[in-house]
């Protein structure tokens, strides 16, 4: 025998409410993951900027050392 219409509607309503609650939980979890990913991205960009600055500084130091070596070579001649 089939269930009465109101009983089926009540079951479907409860099922829909559960799915909505689950979807909200998933949304919150995904938003939290998104924020973590954004923070990691900001951190990675900062590290890359620092790395670029260190490379520039290294190049300057290397150039100064090369100039100093040339002067020393000139003095030894």
C-alpha atoms as a PDB file:
ATOM      1  CA  UNK A   1       0.000   0.000   0.000  1.00  0.00           C
ATOM      2  CA  UNK A   2       1.281   3.486  -0.775  1.00  0.00           C
ATOM      3  CA  UNK A   3       2.021   6.002   1.928  1.00  0.00           C
ATOM      4  CA  UNK A   4      -0.349   8.893   2.333  1.00  0.00           C
ATOM      5  CA  UNK A   5       0.616  12.047   0.481  1.00  0.00           C
ATOM      6  CA  UNK A   6       1.255  14.080   3.642  1.00  0.00           C
ATOM      7  CA  UNK A   7       3.562  11.400   5.040  1.00  0.00           C
ATOM      8  CA  UNK A   8       5.585  11.311   1.819  1.00  0.00           C
ATOM      9  CA  UNK A   9       5.779  15.112   1.772  1.00  0.00           C
ATOM     10  CA  UNK A  10       6.971  15.127   5.380  1.00  0.00           C
ATOM     11  CA  UNK A  11       9.678  12.551   4.589  1.00  0.00           C
ATOM     12  CA  UNK A  12      10.788  14.494   1.516  1.00  0.00           C
ATOM     13  CA  UNK A  13      10.864  17.715   3.558  1.00  0.00           C
ATOM     14  CA  UNK A  14      13.051  16.098   6.222  1.00  0.00           C
ATOM     15  CA  UNK A  15      15.348  14.679   3.553  1.00  0.00           C
ATOM     16  CA  UNK A  16      15.626  18.095   1.880  1.00  0.00           C
ATOM     17  CA  UNK A  17      16.369  19.755   5.230  1.00  0.00           C
ATOM     18  CA  UNK A  18      19.139  17.235   5.921  1.00  0.00           C
ATOM     19  CA  UNK A  19      20.630  17.783   2.482  1.00  0.00           C
ATOM     20  CA  UNK A  20      20.512  21.535   3.040  1.00  0.00           C
ATOM     21  CA  UNK A  21      22.254  21.164   6.404  1.00  0.00           C
ATOM     22  CA  UNK A  22      24.906  18.942   4.836  1.00  0.00           C
ATOM     23  CA  UNK A  23      25.395  21.439   2.004  1.00  0.00           C
ATOM     24  CA  UNK A  24      25.862  24.270   4.517  1.00  0.00           C
ATOM     25  CA  UNK A  25      28.477  22.232   6.402  1.00  0.00           C
ATOM     26  CA  UNK A  26      30.280  21.484   3.138  1.00  0.00           C
ATOM     27  CA  UNK A  27      30.180  25.172   2.226  1.00  0.00           C
ATOM     28  CA  UNK A  28      31.703  26.184   5.572  1.00  0.00           C
ATOM     29  CA  UNK A  29      34.410  23.549   5.234  1.00  0.00           C
ATOM     30  CA  UNK A  30      35.202  24.666   1.690  1.00  0.00           C
ATOM     31  CA  UNK A  31      35.318  28.320   2.727  1.00  0.00           C
ATOM     32  CA  UNK A  32      37.778  27.428   5.488  1.00  0.00           C
ATOM     33  CA  UNK A  33      39.929  25.487   3.001  1.00  0.00           C
ATOM     34  CA  UNK A  34      39.770  28.422   0.588  1.00  0.00           C
ATOM     35  CA  UNK A  35      40.990  30.800   3.279  1.00  0.00           C
ATOM     36  CA  UNK A  36      43.876  28.468   4.122  1.00  0.00           C
ATOM     37  CA  UNK A  37      44.779  28.250   0.446  1.00  0.00           C
ATOM     38  CA  UNK A  38      44.698  32.038   0.131  1.00  0.00           C
ATOM     39  CA  UNK A  39      46.949  32.382   3.171  1.00  0.00           C
ATOM     40  CA  UNK A  40      49.392  29.845   1.727  1.00  0.00           C
ATOM     41  CA  UNK A  41      49.364  31.755  -1.549  1.00  0.00           C
ATOM     42  CA  UNK A  42      50.133  35.051   0.218  1.00  0.00           C
ATOM     43  CA  UNK A  43      52.959  33.349   2.120  1.00  0.00           C
ATOM     44  CA  UNK A  44      54.364  31.838  -1.079  1.00  0.00           C
ATOM     45  CA  UNK A  45      54.278  35.210  -2.875  1.00  0.00           C
ATOM     46  CA  UNK A  46      56.100  36.827   0.055  1.00  0.00           C
ATOM     47  CA  UNK A  47      58.757  34.111  -0.012  1.00  0.00           C
ATOM     48  CA  UNK A  48      59.201  34.570  -3.764  1.00  0.00           C
ATOM     49  CA  UNK A  49      59.650  38.340  -3.313  1.00  0.00           C
ATOM     50  CA  UNK A  50      62.246  37.722  -0.604  1.00  0.00           C
ATOM     51  CA  UNK A  51      63.998  35.214  -2.841  1.00  0.00           C
ATOM     52  CA  UNK A  52      64.135  37.722  -5.703  1.00  0.00           C
ATOM     53  CA  UNK A  53      65.561  40.358  -3.359  1.00  0.00           C
ATOM     54  CA  UNK A  54      68.220  37.924  -2.169  1.00  0.00           C
ATOM     55  CA  UNK A  55      69.169  37.094  -5.758  1.00  0.00           C
ATOM     56  CA  UNK A  56      69.569  40.795  -6.536  1.00  0.00           C
ATOM     57  CA  UNK A  57      71.669  41.316  -3.424  1.00  0.00           C
ATOM     58  CA  UNK A  58      73.786  38.282  -4.297  1.00  0.00           C
ATOM     59  CA  UNK A  59      74.424  39.674  -7.767  1.00  0.00           C
ATOM     60  CA  UNK A  60      75.504  43.029  -6.341  1.00  0.00           C
ATOM     61  CA  UNK A  61      77.867  41.356  -3.883  1.00  0.00           C
ATOM     62  CA  UNK A  62      79.276  39.168  -6.637  1.00  0.00           C
ATOM     63  CA  UNK A  63      79.925  42.226  -8.807  1.00  0.00           C
ATOM     64  CA  UNK A  64      81.675  44.015  -5.940  1.00  0.00           C
ATOM     65  CA  UNK A  65      83.840  40.975  -5.270  1.00  0.00           C
ATOM     66  CA  UNK A  66      84.791  40.764  -8.940  1.00  0.00           C
ATOM     67  CA  UNK A  67      85.760  44.454  -8.912  1.00  0.00           C
ATOM     68  CA  UNK A  68      87.853  43.915  -5.790  1.00  0.00           C
ATOM     69  CA  UNK A  69      89.593  40.920  -7.378  1.00  0.00           C
ATOM     70  CA  UNK A  70      90.412  42.994 -10.481  1.00  0.00           C
ATOM     71  CA  UNK A  71      91.935  45.686  -8.276  1.00  0.00           C
ATOM     72  CA  UNK A  72      93.958  43.098  -6.386  1.00  0.00           C
ATOM     73  CA  UNK A  73      95.126  41.564  -9.650  1.00  0.00           C
ATOM     74  CA  UNK A  74      96.194  45.044 -10.792  1.00  0.00           C
ATOM     75  CA  UNK A  75      98.165  45.603  -7.619  1.00  0.00           C
ATOM     76  CA  UNK A  76     100.010  42.281  -7.943  1.00  0.00           C
ATOM     77  CA  UNK A  77     101.290  42.989 -11.422  1.00  0.00           C
END
